N, C-alpha and C. Protein backbone atom coordinates (compact mmCIF):
# COMPACT_ATOMS: atom_id res chain seq x y z
N MET A 1 -6.68 30.89 40.01
CA MET A 1 -6.28 29.45 40.05
C MET A 1 -7.22 28.60 39.42
N ASN A 2 -8.59 28.91 39.48
CA ASN A 2 -9.61 28.21 38.82
C ASN A 2 -9.50 28.25 37.27
N GLU A 3 -9.03 29.41 36.76
CA GLU A 3 -8.93 29.44 35.36
C GLU A 3 -7.81 28.62 34.82
N VAL A 4 -6.81 28.37 35.59
CA VAL A 4 -5.70 27.38 35.13
C VAL A 4 -6.23 25.99 35.17
N ILE A 5 -7.04 25.66 36.11
CA ILE A 5 -7.55 24.34 36.13
C ILE A 5 -8.50 24.08 34.93
N LYS A 6 -9.29 25.05 34.61
CA LYS A 6 -10.18 24.96 33.52
C LYS A 6 -9.45 24.81 32.13
N GLU A 7 -8.36 25.49 31.94
CA GLU A 7 -7.50 25.36 30.79
C GLU A 7 -6.83 24.00 30.70
N ASP A 8 -6.44 23.46 31.80
CA ASP A 8 -5.92 22.17 31.83
C ASP A 8 -6.94 21.10 31.44
N ASN A 9 -8.13 21.25 31.95
CA ASN A 9 -9.19 20.28 31.55
C ASN A 9 -9.44 20.35 30.12
N SER A 10 -9.55 21.57 29.51
CA SER A 10 -9.89 21.63 28.14
C SER A 10 -8.69 21.04 27.32
N LEU A 11 -7.52 21.22 27.78
CA LEU A 11 -6.31 20.65 27.06
C LEU A 11 -6.42 19.11 27.06
N TRP A 12 -6.83 18.54 28.17
CA TRP A 12 -6.97 17.09 28.22
C TRP A 12 -8.16 16.60 27.30
N TYR A 13 -9.16 17.46 27.17
CA TYR A 13 -10.31 17.06 26.28
C TYR A 13 -9.75 17.13 24.81
N ILE A 14 -9.01 18.05 24.50
CA ILE A 14 -8.40 18.14 23.12
C ILE A 14 -7.46 17.02 22.83
N VAL A 15 -6.63 16.63 23.80
CA VAL A 15 -5.70 15.57 23.72
C VAL A 15 -6.48 14.17 23.58
N GLY A 16 -7.52 14.01 24.37
CA GLY A 16 -8.33 12.86 24.32
C GLY A 16 -9.16 12.80 22.98
N GLY A 17 -9.58 13.91 22.48
CA GLY A 17 -10.31 13.81 21.21
C GLY A 17 -9.36 13.56 20.04
N CYS A 18 -8.13 13.92 20.11
CA CYS A 18 -7.10 13.61 19.09
C CYS A 18 -6.83 12.12 19.10
N ILE A 19 -6.65 11.68 20.29
CA ILE A 19 -6.41 10.25 20.43
C ILE A 19 -7.54 9.37 19.86
N VAL A 20 -8.75 9.73 20.17
CA VAL A 20 -9.95 9.01 19.73
C VAL A 20 -10.01 9.11 18.16
N ALA A 21 -9.73 10.33 17.63
CA ALA A 21 -9.77 10.49 16.16
C ALA A 21 -8.68 9.67 15.49
N ILE A 22 -7.50 9.65 16.01
CA ILE A 22 -6.44 8.78 15.40
C ILE A 22 -6.79 7.33 15.46
N ILE A 23 -7.34 6.86 16.59
CA ILE A 23 -7.80 5.42 16.67
C ILE A 23 -8.85 5.14 15.65
N ALA A 24 -9.82 6.04 15.41
CA ALA A 24 -10.86 5.86 14.47
C ALA A 24 -10.32 5.78 13.05
N VAL A 25 -9.35 6.64 12.75
CA VAL A 25 -8.71 6.66 11.40
C VAL A 25 -7.97 5.31 11.21
N VAL A 26 -7.32 4.92 12.17
CA VAL A 26 -6.53 3.62 12.04
C VAL A 26 -7.44 2.46 11.75
N ILE A 27 -8.60 2.40 12.49
CA ILE A 27 -9.60 1.36 12.36
C ILE A 27 -10.18 1.38 10.93
N PHE A 28 -10.42 2.61 10.47
CA PHE A 28 -10.96 2.77 9.16
C PHE A 28 -9.98 2.26 8.11
N LEU A 29 -8.80 2.71 8.22
CA LEU A 29 -7.80 2.36 7.14
C LEU A 29 -7.44 0.90 7.24
N ARG A 30 -7.46 0.19 8.32
CA ARG A 30 -7.35 -1.23 8.41
C ARG A 30 -8.40 -1.92 7.65
N GLY A 31 -9.62 -1.48 7.58
CA GLY A 31 -10.69 -2.12 6.97
C GLY A 31 -10.57 -1.89 5.44
N GLU A 32 -9.89 -0.81 5.02
CA GLU A 32 -9.90 -0.50 3.62
C GLU A 32 -8.56 -0.90 2.96
N LYS A 33 -7.59 -1.43 3.72
CA LYS A 33 -6.31 -1.72 3.12
C LYS A 33 -6.30 -2.84 2.10
N SER A 34 -7.26 -3.77 2.18
CA SER A 34 -7.23 -4.92 1.20
C SER A 34 -8.34 -4.79 0.22
N GLU A 35 -8.98 -3.72 0.13
CA GLU A 35 -10.04 -3.53 -0.90
C GLU A 35 -9.49 -3.65 -2.34
N HIS A 36 -8.36 -3.17 -2.61
CA HIS A 36 -7.85 -3.26 -3.96
C HIS A 36 -7.53 -4.65 -4.42
N LEU A 37 -7.34 -5.55 -3.41
CA LEU A 37 -7.04 -6.98 -3.72
C LEU A 37 -8.26 -7.71 -4.21
N LYS A 38 -9.43 -7.25 -3.79
CA LYS A 38 -10.70 -7.91 -4.14
C LYS A 38 -11.04 -7.79 -5.65
N SER A 39 -10.58 -6.77 -6.22
CA SER A 39 -10.96 -6.49 -7.63
C SER A 39 -10.15 -7.32 -8.61
N GLY A 40 -9.17 -7.98 -8.25
CA GLY A 40 -8.37 -8.93 -9.07
C GLY A 40 -7.37 -8.12 -10.00
N ALA A 41 -7.28 -6.82 -9.87
CA ALA A 41 -6.42 -6.09 -10.66
C ALA A 41 -4.98 -6.40 -10.38
N VAL A 42 -4.67 -6.65 -9.12
CA VAL A 42 -3.23 -7.03 -8.70
C VAL A 42 -2.92 -8.30 -9.41
N ALA A 43 -3.78 -9.34 -9.32
CA ALA A 43 -3.38 -10.63 -9.97
C ALA A 43 -3.24 -10.48 -11.45
N GLN A 44 -4.07 -9.64 -12.13
CA GLN A 44 -3.99 -9.49 -13.50
C GLN A 44 -2.67 -8.80 -13.94
N LEU A 45 -2.34 -7.80 -13.11
CA LEU A 45 -1.08 -6.98 -13.45
C LEU A 45 0.10 -7.93 -13.26
N GLN A 46 0.08 -8.79 -12.21
CA GLN A 46 1.12 -9.66 -11.85
C GLN A 46 1.30 -10.74 -13.09
N ALA A 47 0.20 -11.24 -13.55
CA ALA A 47 0.23 -12.16 -14.70
C ALA A 47 0.78 -11.50 -15.90
N GLU A 48 0.41 -10.24 -16.24
CA GLU A 48 0.94 -9.55 -17.38
C GLU A 48 2.37 -9.32 -17.24
N THR A 49 2.88 -8.93 -16.06
CA THR A 49 4.27 -8.65 -15.83
C THR A 49 5.03 -9.97 -16.05
N PHE A 50 4.64 -11.06 -15.48
CA PHE A 50 5.38 -12.32 -15.66
C PHE A 50 5.42 -12.72 -17.12
N SER A 51 4.29 -12.51 -17.82
CA SER A 51 4.26 -12.82 -19.21
C SER A 51 5.23 -12.01 -20.03
N ASN A 52 5.22 -10.64 -19.73
CA ASN A 52 6.22 -9.87 -20.43
C ASN A 52 7.62 -10.20 -20.07
N LEU A 53 7.96 -10.53 -18.85
CA LEU A 53 9.32 -11.00 -18.54
C LEU A 53 9.67 -12.28 -19.27
N GLU A 54 8.68 -13.15 -19.40
CA GLU A 54 9.03 -14.42 -20.07
C GLU A 54 9.28 -14.12 -21.61
N LYS A 55 8.43 -13.26 -22.19
CA LYS A 55 8.72 -12.94 -23.58
C LYS A 55 10.06 -12.25 -23.77
N ARG A 56 10.41 -11.43 -22.87
CA ARG A 56 11.74 -10.73 -23.00
C ARG A 56 12.89 -11.76 -22.81
N LYS A 57 12.69 -12.66 -21.97
CA LYS A 57 13.74 -13.75 -21.74
C LYS A 57 13.88 -14.63 -22.87
N THR A 58 12.77 -15.07 -23.50
CA THR A 58 12.91 -15.87 -24.71
C THR A 58 13.34 -15.16 -25.95
N SER A 59 13.07 -13.88 -26.07
CA SER A 59 13.58 -13.03 -27.28
C SER A 59 15.02 -12.72 -27.18
N ASN A 60 15.53 -12.63 -25.92
CA ASN A 60 16.97 -12.34 -25.69
C ASN A 60 17.89 -13.53 -25.76
N SER A 61 17.41 -14.67 -25.61
CA SER A 61 18.26 -15.89 -25.68
C SER A 61 18.50 -16.24 -27.16
N ALA A 62 19.71 -16.23 -27.50
CA ALA A 62 20.13 -16.58 -28.86
C ALA A 62 20.38 -18.05 -29.00
N THR A 63 20.19 -18.59 -30.25
CA THR A 63 20.48 -19.99 -30.42
C THR A 63 21.98 -20.09 -30.68
N GLU A 64 22.45 -21.32 -30.73
CA GLU A 64 23.93 -21.58 -31.02
C GLU A 64 24.20 -21.14 -32.41
N ASP A 65 23.29 -21.27 -33.42
CA ASP A 65 23.52 -20.82 -34.79
C ASP A 65 23.69 -19.35 -34.83
N GLN A 66 22.83 -18.60 -34.07
CA GLN A 66 22.93 -17.13 -34.04
C GLN A 66 24.09 -16.62 -33.49
N LYS A 67 24.66 -17.33 -32.40
CA LYS A 67 25.86 -16.93 -31.72
C LYS A 67 27.11 -17.20 -32.74
N ALA A 68 27.01 -18.24 -33.49
CA ALA A 68 28.06 -18.50 -34.46
C ALA A 68 28.08 -17.66 -35.68
N GLY A 69 27.03 -16.87 -35.80
CA GLY A 69 26.91 -15.92 -36.98
C GLY A 69 26.30 -16.57 -38.22
N LYS A 70 25.69 -17.61 -38.07
CA LYS A 70 25.02 -18.33 -39.24
C LYS A 70 23.63 -17.80 -39.55
């Protein structure tokens, strides 16, 4: 009977250790989630994307003379 109780206690230690490890990983990842925003790479990529979209929009719009075939 004592052996069963010892196994149950060790199981709870394992479960508790897993819970603590998961909490530690979550806290670590929360601190790291905005690190990529500090470098400015996202803002630069966004500016380049909008610039390319604007270029594409202006190059695709035809003038009235072009539509008439002149």
